[in-house]
Amino acid sequence: MRKHGSGSSMMVEVHQRSWEDRWMEPSLGKSWKKSLYGAMTSLGLLPLLCSIIVLQVCFSSQLEDNKIPPSLCTGHPGTPGSPGNHGNPGQPGRDGRDGRDAAPGEKGEKGERGYPGETGVRGLTGDKGYQGEKGERGQPGECAVAPKSAFSAKLSQSHTLPLNVGDAVLFDTVLFNEQGDYNTETGRFTCKVPGVYYFAVHATVYRASLQFDLMKNGHAVASYFQFYGNWPKPASLSGGSLLHLIPGDQVWVQMALSEYNGFYCSTKTDSTFTGFLVYSDWKNSA
């Protein structure tokens, strides 16, 4: 197709050619086509026929493309359509700019104390520390082994008689005194281990009656008496008692009456004073 002249002449040429192409279709008889063409030419109707064909072609193209001009077909407004489905959510918007810093608010009230947390895992063992300074010596503690306290002593033959009232009888010959709790110079036993003790006195009585007391811290806890009736042989007087003592307590034998001082000893008989711990008050002792 060649482009020449104005736009309207080009359109007439296009539609003229299109009509001529349709005219040359084999479906129309050749004789009929020639006679019709000759008649329209002789009558001068050929330009009118071309105009009709151009209008038909324009309207047919608009109908085919569904582009009918509003001026040709104006109807009533249609029924509103059903609402469409909701669209998909849009993408998140961008973060806004940071606002200006406001003035600090007032201090809030103190909250309640929370519950104790769970015990954490035990930490690693730390390094060994430096050795500290030696501390002061502590007070004597209780013993884990069985404490001991015992003694036994007797009168010697050289002991001076008679004794006076209130004098302690000096059993001056030691038979046993491993812990050193009995003193031969004073005739007194001094307690070191608290507990219960048993004391016993055995006296040989001869040539005079005998009365003595077992003393604890200056108080008589037991008294013993033996009357002498001019017997040809010596008699005996024995007695014993359990006493509870604390450290510092003292126990001894003391004359009760000056005329009853018949303690006697010889190579064949003795007068003795004995004492020993039965059990201690220490809790950790064996």
Protein backbone atom coordinates (compact mmCIF):
# COMPACT_ATOMS: atom_id res chain seq x y z
CA MET A 1 0.00 0.00 0.00
CA ARG A 2 1.35 3.41 -1.01
CA LYS A 3 0.93 6.57 1.10
CA HIS A 4 0.07 9.70 -0.91
CA GLY A 5 -2.29 12.67 -0.64
CA SER A 6 -4.27 13.54 2.49
CA GLY A 7 -5.61 11.13 5.07
CA SER A 8 -9.14 10.98 3.57
CA SER A 9 -7.90 10.11 0.08
CA MET A 10 -5.73 7.39 1.60
CA MET A 11 -8.75 5.97 3.44
CA VAL A 12 -10.83 5.97 0.21
CA GLU A 13 -8.08 4.21 -1.59
CA VAL A 14 -7.81 1.59 1.17
CA HIS A 15 -11.51 0.92 1.18
CA GLN A 16 -11.67 1.05 -2.59
CA ARG A 17 -9.03 -1.56 -2.87
CA SER A 18 -10.75 -3.60 -0.20
CA TRP A 19 -14.00 -3.39 -2.15
CA GLU A 20 -12.25 -4.28 -5.33
CA ASP A 21 -10.69 -7.25 -3.62
CA ARG A 22 -14.09 -8.37 -2.42
CA TRP A 23 -15.49 -7.76 -5.87
CA MET A 24 -12.95 -10.09 -7.36
CA GLU A 25 -14.02 -12.98 -5.17
CA PRO A 26 -14.71 -16.09 -7.26
CA SER A 27 -18.12 -16.58 -5.61
CA LEU A 28 -19.63 -13.88 -7.92
CA GLY A 29 -20.22 -14.75 -11.59
CA LYS A 30 -17.98 -12.97 -14.06
CA SER A 31 -20.78 -11.95 -16.36
CA TRP A 32 -22.86 -10.60 -13.47
CA LYS A 33 -19.95 -8.60 -12.11
CA LYS A 34 -19.23 -7.03 -15.52
CA SER A 35 -22.82 -6.11 -16.18
CA LEU A 36 -23.24 -4.58 -12.67
CA TYR A 37 -20.03 -2.62 -12.97
CA GLY A 38 -20.96 -1.31 -16.37
CA ALA A 39 -24.42 -0.22 -15.25
CA MET A 40 -23.14 1.70 -12.18
CA THR A 41 -20.41 3.34 -14.23
CA SER A 42 -22.84 4.49 -16.92
CA LEU A 43 -25.21 5.86 -14.29
CA GLY A 44 -22.50 7.69 -12.33
CA LEU A 45 -23.23 5.77 -9.10
CA LEU A 46 -19.77 4.39 -8.61
CA PRO A 47 -18.64 7.09 -6.10
CA LEU A 48 -21.79 6.55 -3.98
CA LEU A 49 -21.20 2.83 -3.90
CA CYS A 50 -17.67 3.40 -2.73
CA SER A 51 -18.85 5.67 0.11
CA ILE A 52 -21.38 3.05 1.32
CA ILE A 53 -18.71 0.39 1.30
CA VAL A 54 -16.32 2.66 3.33
CA LEU A 55 -18.97 3.33 6.03
CA GLN A 56 -19.83 -0.36 6.26
CA VAL A 57 -16.21 -1.26 6.73
CA CYS A 58 -15.72 1.39 9.49
CA PHE A 59 -18.79 0.33 11.47
CA SER A 60 -17.99 -3.35 11.11
CA SER A 61 -14.47 -2.80 12.52
CA GLN A 62 -15.86 -0.91 15.55
CA LEU A 63 -18.41 -3.65 16.21
CA GLU A 64 -15.76 -6.30 15.97
CA ASP A 65 -13.55 -4.40 18.48
CA ASN A 66 -16.52 -3.75 20.83
CA LYS A 67 -16.02 0.02 20.47
CA ILE A 68 -19.45 1.37 19.61
CA PRO A 69 -19.63 5.16 19.85
CA PRO A 70 -21.88 6.45 22.63
CA SER A 71 -23.77 8.61 20.14
CA LEU A 72 -25.04 5.51 18.27
CA CYS A 73 -26.21 3.49 21.35
CA THR A 74 -27.25 5.18 24.62
CA GLY A 75 -29.09 2.85 27.09
CA HIS A 76 -30.23 2.98 30.71
CA PRO A 77 -27.65 2.58 33.54
CA GLY A 78 -27.03 -1.03 34.36
CA THR A 79 -27.59 -2.76 37.75
CA PRO A 80 -24.63 -2.24 40.14
CA GLY A 81 -22.34 -5.22 40.23
CA SER A 82 -21.63 -7.35 43.31
CA PRO A 83 -18.83 -6.15 45.62
CA GLY A 84 -15.48 -7.57 44.70
CA ASN A 85 -13.45 -9.91 46.91
CA HIS A 86 -11.13 -8.49 49.52
CA GLY A 87 -7.70 -7.85 48.18
CA ASN A 88 -4.51 -9.31 49.58
CA PRO A 89 -2.84 -7.44 52.48
CA GLY A 90 -0.42 -4.83 51.31
CA GLN A 91 3.27 -4.79 52.15
CA PRO A 92 4.34 -3.25 55.47
CA GLY A 93 5.05 0.42 55.29
CA ARG A 94 8.39 1.96 56.07
CA ASP A 95 9.34 2.89 59.63
CA GLY A 96 8.58 6.45 60.50
CA ARG A 97 11.17 8.90 61.63
CA ASP A 98 12.20 8.95 65.29
CA GLY A 99 10.33 11.53 67.31
CA ARG A 100 11.94 14.12 69.47
CA ASP A 101 13.11 13.14 72.96
CA ALA A 102 10.59 14.10 75.62
CA ALA A 103 11.41 15.37 79.10
CA PRO A 104 12.18 12.57 81.69
CA GLY A 105 9.12 11.36 83.57
CA GLU A 106 8.70 11.20 87.33
CA LYS A 107 10.27 8.32 89.25
CA GLY A 108 7.84 5.44 89.70
CA GLU A 109 7.03 3.62 92.93
CA LYS A 110 9.23 0.78 94.11
CA GLY A 111 7.92 -2.60 92.94
CA GLU A 112 7.32 -5.63 95.10
CA ARG A 113 10.15 -7.97 95.82
CA GLY A 114 10.31 -10.88 93.40
CA TYR A 115 10.49 -14.56 94.24
CA PRO A 116 13.93 -16.07 94.84
CA GLY A 117 15.45 -17.50 91.71
CA GLU A 118 16.56 -21.07 91.27
CA THR A 119 19.91 -22.14 92.61
CA GLY A 120 22.56 -21.70 90.00
CA VAL A 121 25.11 -24.22 88.87
CA ARG A 122 27.98 -24.67 91.28
CA GLY A 123 31.01 -22.70 90.21
CA LEU A 124 34.51 -23.94 89.69
CA THR A 125 36.81 -24.46 92.65
CA GLY A 126 38.90 -21.40 93.28
CA ASP A 127 42.61 -21.21 93.82
CA LYS A 128 44.04 -22.11 97.20
CA GLY A 129 44.34 -19.09 99.43
CA TYR A 130 47.30 -17.94 101.47
CA GLN A 131 47.84 -19.44 104.89
CA GLY A 132 46.47 -17.21 107.62
CA GLU A 133 48.14 -16.17 110.82
CA LYS A 134 48.21 -18.53 113.77
CA GLY A 135 45.32 -17.91 116.10
CA GLU A 136 45.30 -17.74 119.86
CA ARG A 137 45.24 -20.92 121.87
CA GLY A 138 41.72 -21.96 122.74
CA GLN A 139 40.34 -23.19 126.00
CA PRO A 140 40.73 -26.86 126.87
CA GLY A 141 38.07 -28.81 125.06
CA GLU A 142 36.31 -32.01 125.85
CA CYS A 143 38.23 -35.21 125.32
CA ALA A 144 37.23 -37.88 122.83
CA VAL A 145 38.90 -40.63 124.87
CA ALA A 146 37.88 -41.92 128.27
CA PRO A 147 39.14 -39.54 130.97
CA LYS A 148 40.95 -41.06 133.93
CA SER A 149 41.30 -40.13 137.58
CA ALA A 150 42.22 -42.46 140.41
CA PHE A 151 44.44 -42.63 143.48
CA SER A 152 45.14 -44.70 146.56
CA ALA A 153 47.37 -43.90 149.59
CA LYS A 154 48.01 -45.30 153.07
CA LEU A 155 49.31 -44.18 156.46
CA SER A 156 53.00 -44.79 157.10
CA GLN A 157 54.25 -46.33 160.34
CA SER A 158 56.06 -43.11 161.23
CA HIS A 159 52.80 -41.16 161.21
CA THR A 160 52.42 -39.08 164.37
CA LEU A 161 49.36 -39.82 166.54
CA PRO A 162 47.08 -38.70 168.06
CA LEU A 163 45.48 -36.20 165.62
CA ASN A 164 43.52 -33.11 166.57
CA VAL A 165 39.89 -32.37 165.68
CA GLY A 166 39.58 -30.69 162.29
CA ASP A 167 42.94 -31.94 161.04
CA ALA A 168 43.08 -33.73 157.72
CA VAL A 169 44.43 -37.26 157.94
CA LEU A 170 47.62 -37.38 155.85
CA PHE A 171 47.80 -40.67 154.00
CA ASP A 172 51.44 -40.08 153.15
CA THR A 173 52.42 -43.24 151.29
CA VAL A 174 51.16 -43.29 147.69
CA LEU A 175 50.04 -46.60 146.24
CA PHE A 176 48.65 -45.15 142.98
CA ASN A 177 48.41 -41.56 141.78
CA GLU A 178 49.02 -41.61 138.03
CA GLN A 179 47.14 -38.38 137.26
CA GLY A 180 48.57 -36.57 140.30
CA ASP A 181 45.13 -35.57 141.62
CA TYR A 182 45.97 -36.53 145.23
CA ASN A 183 48.37 -34.41 147.29
CA THR A 184 50.27 -36.28 150.05
CA GLU A 185 51.31 -33.03 151.77
CA THR A 186 47.71 -31.88 152.35
CA GLY A 187 45.94 -35.26 152.25
CA ARG A 188 43.40 -33.79 149.78
CA PHE A 189 42.12 -34.95 146.39
CA THR A 190 41.46 -32.14 143.85
CA CYS A 191 39.01 -32.79 140.98
CA LYS A 192 40.08 -32.07 137.38
CA VAL A 193 37.52 -34.10 135.41
CA PRO A 194 33.84 -33.38 136.19
CA GLY A 195 31.77 -36.43 136.97
CA VAL A 196 30.86 -38.99 139.61
CA TYR A 197 33.58 -40.39 141.92
CA TYR A 198 33.68 -43.14 144.52
CA PHE A 199 35.73 -42.66 147.70
CA ALA A 200 36.49 -45.35 150.25
CA VAL A 201 38.28 -45.27 153.61
CA HIS A 202 39.58 -48.39 155.38
CA ALA A 203 40.93 -47.87 158.89
CA THR A 204 42.60 -50.29 161.27
CA VAL A 205 41.44 -49.47 164.84
CA TYR A 206 43.68 -50.32 167.78
CA ARG A 207 44.27 -49.04 171.35
CA ALA A 208 41.53 -46.33 170.99
CA SER A 209 38.10 -45.68 169.48
CA LEU A 210 37.92 -43.96 166.09
CA GLN A 211 35.54 -41.44 164.48
CA PHE A 212 36.25 -39.57 161.22
CA ASP A 213 34.34 -37.69 158.50
CA LEU A 214 34.56 -37.74 154.71
CA MET A 215 34.77 -34.05 153.72
CA LYS A 216 33.89 -32.22 150.49
CA ASN A 217 34.84 -28.55 150.26
CA GLY A 218 34.71 -28.16 154.08
CA HIS A 219 31.41 -30.01 154.58
CA ALA A 220 31.03 -33.51 156.03
CA VAL A 221 29.27 -35.79 153.55
CA ALA A 222 29.66 -39.03 155.56
CA SER A 223 30.73 -39.97 159.14
CA TYR A 224 32.13 -43.26 160.50
CA PHE A 225 32.68 -44.55 164.08
CA GLN A 226 34.29 -47.60 165.71
CA PHE A 227 34.36 -48.21 169.48
CA TYR A 228 37.42 -49.93 170.94
CA GLY A 229 36.71 -52.31 173.86
CA ASN A 230 40.22 -53.37 174.96
CA TRP A 231 40.35 -56.14 172.43
CA PRO A 232 43.61 -57.98 172.23
CA LYS A 233 43.76 -57.60 168.45
CA PRO A 234 43.14 -54.65 166.07
CA ALA A 235 39.64 -54.06 164.62
CA SER A 236 38.69 -52.47 161.28
CA LEU A 237 36.41 -49.63 160.20
CA SER A 238 35.50 -49.11 156.53
CA GLY A 239 33.14 -46.80 154.63
CA GLY A 240 32.61 -45.31 151.19
CA SER A 241 30.44 -42.84 149.26
CA LEU A 242 29.65 -41.62 145.72
CA LEU A 243 30.19 -37.91 145.13
CA HIS A 244 29.57 -35.68 142.13
CA LEU A 245 32.47 -33.29 141.61
CA ILE A 246 33.33 -30.45 139.32
CA PRO A 247 36.85 -29.16 138.59
CA GLY A 248 38.33 -27.55 141.71
CA ASP A 249 36.33 -29.53 144.28
CA GLN A 250 38.37 -31.14 147.07
CA VAL A 251 37.78 -34.30 149.13
CA TRP A 252 39.67 -35.47 152.25
CA VAL A 253 39.38 -37.43 155.53
CA GLN A 254 39.10 -35.38 158.75
CA MET A 255 39.13 -36.26 162.47
CA ALA A 256 35.72 -35.78 164.16
CA LEU A 257 36.62 -36.13 167.89
CA SER A 258 40.01 -35.70 169.50
CA GLU A 259 39.64 -38.69 171.85
CA TYR A 260 38.50 -40.95 169.00
CA ASN A 261 41.70 -41.01 166.99
CA GLY A 262 42.49 -44.71 166.87
CA PHE A 263 44.06 -44.93 163.35
CA TYR A 264 46.65 -47.71 163.33
CA CYS A 265 49.13 -49.25 160.88
CA SER A 266 51.88 -51.85 161.03
CA THR A 267 53.71 -54.25 158.83
CA LYS A 268 50.68 -56.55 158.93
CA THR A 269 47.78 -54.07 158.68
CA ASP A 270 47.14 -50.66 157.00
CA SER A 271 44.75 -47.72 156.91
CA THR A 272 44.02 -46.49 153.35
CA PHE A 273 42.21 -43.72 151.46
CA THR A 274 41.09 -44.48 147.88
CA GLY A 275 39.12 -42.64 145.18
CA PHE A 276 38.43 -43.01 141.45
CA LEU A 277 36.22 -41.63 138.64
CA VAL A 278 33.14 -43.71 137.85
CA TYR A 279 32.01 -41.67 134.80
CA SER A 280 32.60 -38.13 133.53
CA ASP A 281 30.18 -35.37 132.51
CA TRP A 282 31.97 -34.76 129.22
CA LYS A 283 29.60 -35.51 126.33
CA ASN A 284 32.26 -36.53 123.86
CA SER A 285 34.19 -38.76 126.19
CA ALA A 286 34.32 -42.45 125.38
